[in-house]
């Protein structure tokens, strides 16, 4: 994704649901609007930013199955703060697994 695409999406998740736009800024991934597996291209027009949760959600919707390659777990900030759902395969030194 070029700088233009990043600026277009405001550097945050561009998923829009019933409650409005997500806006998450952590765990960002590139989402193919038309999936690469279905012939989608890696172009600025076909790629949008998604947080990990919304990228996985849209993958499940498109492919109608649980194809996500990594499991998720609930994590809590080491200082006892916010809980988040994040992939368990990443090293997250500022979080502890619940």
Protein backbone atom coordinates (compact mmCIF):
# COMPACT_ATOMS: atom_id res chain seq x y z
CA UNK A 1 0.00 0.00 0.00
CA UNK A 2 1.33 3.39 -0.91
CA UNK A 3 1.32 6.46 1.27
CA UNK A 4 -1.77 7.65 -0.61
CA UNK A 5 -3.72 4.54 0.41
CA UNK A 6 -2.57 4.87 4.02
CA UNK A 7 -3.67 8.51 4.05
CA UNK A 8 -6.94 7.62 2.30
CA UNK A 9 -7.81 5.24 5.16
CA UNK A 10 -6.46 7.64 7.78
CA UNK A 11 -3.95 5.06 9.04
CA UNK A 12 -6.75 3.12 10.73
CA UNK A 13 -9.20 0.28 10.11
CA UNK A 14 -11.57 1.23 7.29
CA UNK A 15 -14.24 -1.39 8.21
CA UNK A 16 -17.72 0.14 8.41
CA UNK A 17 -20.35 -1.74 10.39
CA UNK A 18 -23.75 -0.97 11.85
CA UNK A 19 -22.15 1.24 14.52
CA UNK A 20 -20.03 3.20 12.00
CA UNK A 21 -16.36 2.99 11.12
CA UNK A 22 -14.04 0.92 13.31
CA UNK A 23 -11.08 3.33 13.46
CA UNK A 24 -8.71 0.92 15.29
CA UNK A 25 -5.03 1.81 14.81
CA UNK A 26 -3.33 -1.30 16.25
CA UNK A 27 -2.67 -4.67 14.57
CA UNK A 28 -3.25 -3.22 11.08
CA UNK A 29 -3.34 -5.53 8.05
CA UNK A 30 -3.90 -5.11 4.33
CA UNK A 31 -7.38 -6.26 3.27
CA UNK A 32 -8.04 -7.20 -0.35
CA UNK A 33 -11.57 -5.98 -1.16
CA UNK A 34 -11.70 -8.70 -3.84
CA UNK A 35 -9.62 -11.46 -2.22
CA UNK A 36 -6.33 -12.40 -3.85
CA UNK A 37 -7.48 -16.05 -3.85
CA UNK A 38 -10.46 -14.99 -5.98
CA UNK A 39 -8.37 -13.07 -8.53
CA UNK A 40 -8.10 -9.78 -6.65
CA UNK A 41 -5.10 -7.63 -7.40
CA UNK A 42 -2.62 -6.01 -5.05
CA UNK A 43 -3.51 -2.50 -6.17
CA UNK A 44 -4.25 0.61 -4.16
CA UNK A 45 -7.88 0.50 -5.33
CA UNK A 46 -8.32 -3.10 -4.11
CA UNK A 47 -6.50 -2.80 -0.77
CA UNK A 48 -7.83 -1.18 2.39
CA UNK A 49 -6.55 -1.13 5.96
CA UNK A 50 -8.23 -3.46 8.44
CA UNK A 51 -7.50 -4.32 12.06
CA UNK A 52 -6.72 -8.00 12.64
CA UNK A 53 -10.24 -8.76 13.88
CA UNK A 54 -12.05 -7.17 10.94
CA UNK A 55 -9.70 -8.63 8.33
CA UNK A 56 -10.35 -12.12 9.75
CA UNK A 57 -14.10 -11.40 9.96
CA UNK A 58 -14.32 -10.38 6.31
CA UNK A 59 -12.26 -13.42 5.27
CA UNK A 60 -14.72 -15.69 7.04
CA UNK A 61 -17.66 -13.92 5.37
CA UNK A 62 -16.18 -14.27 1.89
CA UNK A 63 -14.93 -17.84 2.16
CA UNK A 64 -17.84 -19.06 4.34
CA UNK A 65 -15.53 -21.10 6.55
CA UNK A 66 -13.03 -20.78 9.34
CA UNK A 67 -9.88 -20.38 7.24
CA UNK A 68 -7.93 -18.06 9.51
CA UNK A 69 -4.45 -19.52 9.98
CA UNK A 70 -3.81 -18.29 13.47
CA UNK A 71 -5.79 -18.57 16.66
CA UNK A 72 -6.64 -15.57 18.78
CA UNK A 73 -6.70 -15.13 22.52
CA UNK A 74 -7.71 -12.46 24.99
CA UNK A 75 -4.81 -10.42 26.29
CA UNK A 76 -4.65 -7.82 29.05
CA UNK A 77 -2.19 -4.95 29.18
CA UNK A 78 0.57 -5.81 31.66
CA UNK A 79 -0.42 -2.76 33.71
CA UNK A 80 -3.93 -4.24 34.13
CA UNK A 81 -5.49 -1.97 31.47
CA UNK A 82 -7.46 -2.71 28.34
CA UNK A 83 -8.29 -6.26 27.22
CA UNK A 84 -7.92 -6.99 23.50
CA UNK A 85 -8.37 -9.99 21.21
CA UNK A 86 -5.10 -10.56 19.34
CA UNK A 87 -3.30 -13.35 17.47
CA UNK A 88 -1.46 -15.70 19.79
CA UNK A 89 1.47 -16.15 17.42
CA UNK A 90 2.76 -12.59 17.86
CA UNK A 91 5.18 -11.48 20.53
CA UNK A 92 3.33 -8.90 22.61
CA UNK A 93 5.67 -7.91 25.46
CA UNK A 94 3.30 -5.22 26.77
CA UNK A 95 0.43 -7.76 27.13
CA UNK A 96 -0.16 -10.87 29.19
CA UNK A 97 -2.35 -13.76 28.06
CA UNK A 98 -5.50 -14.29 30.15
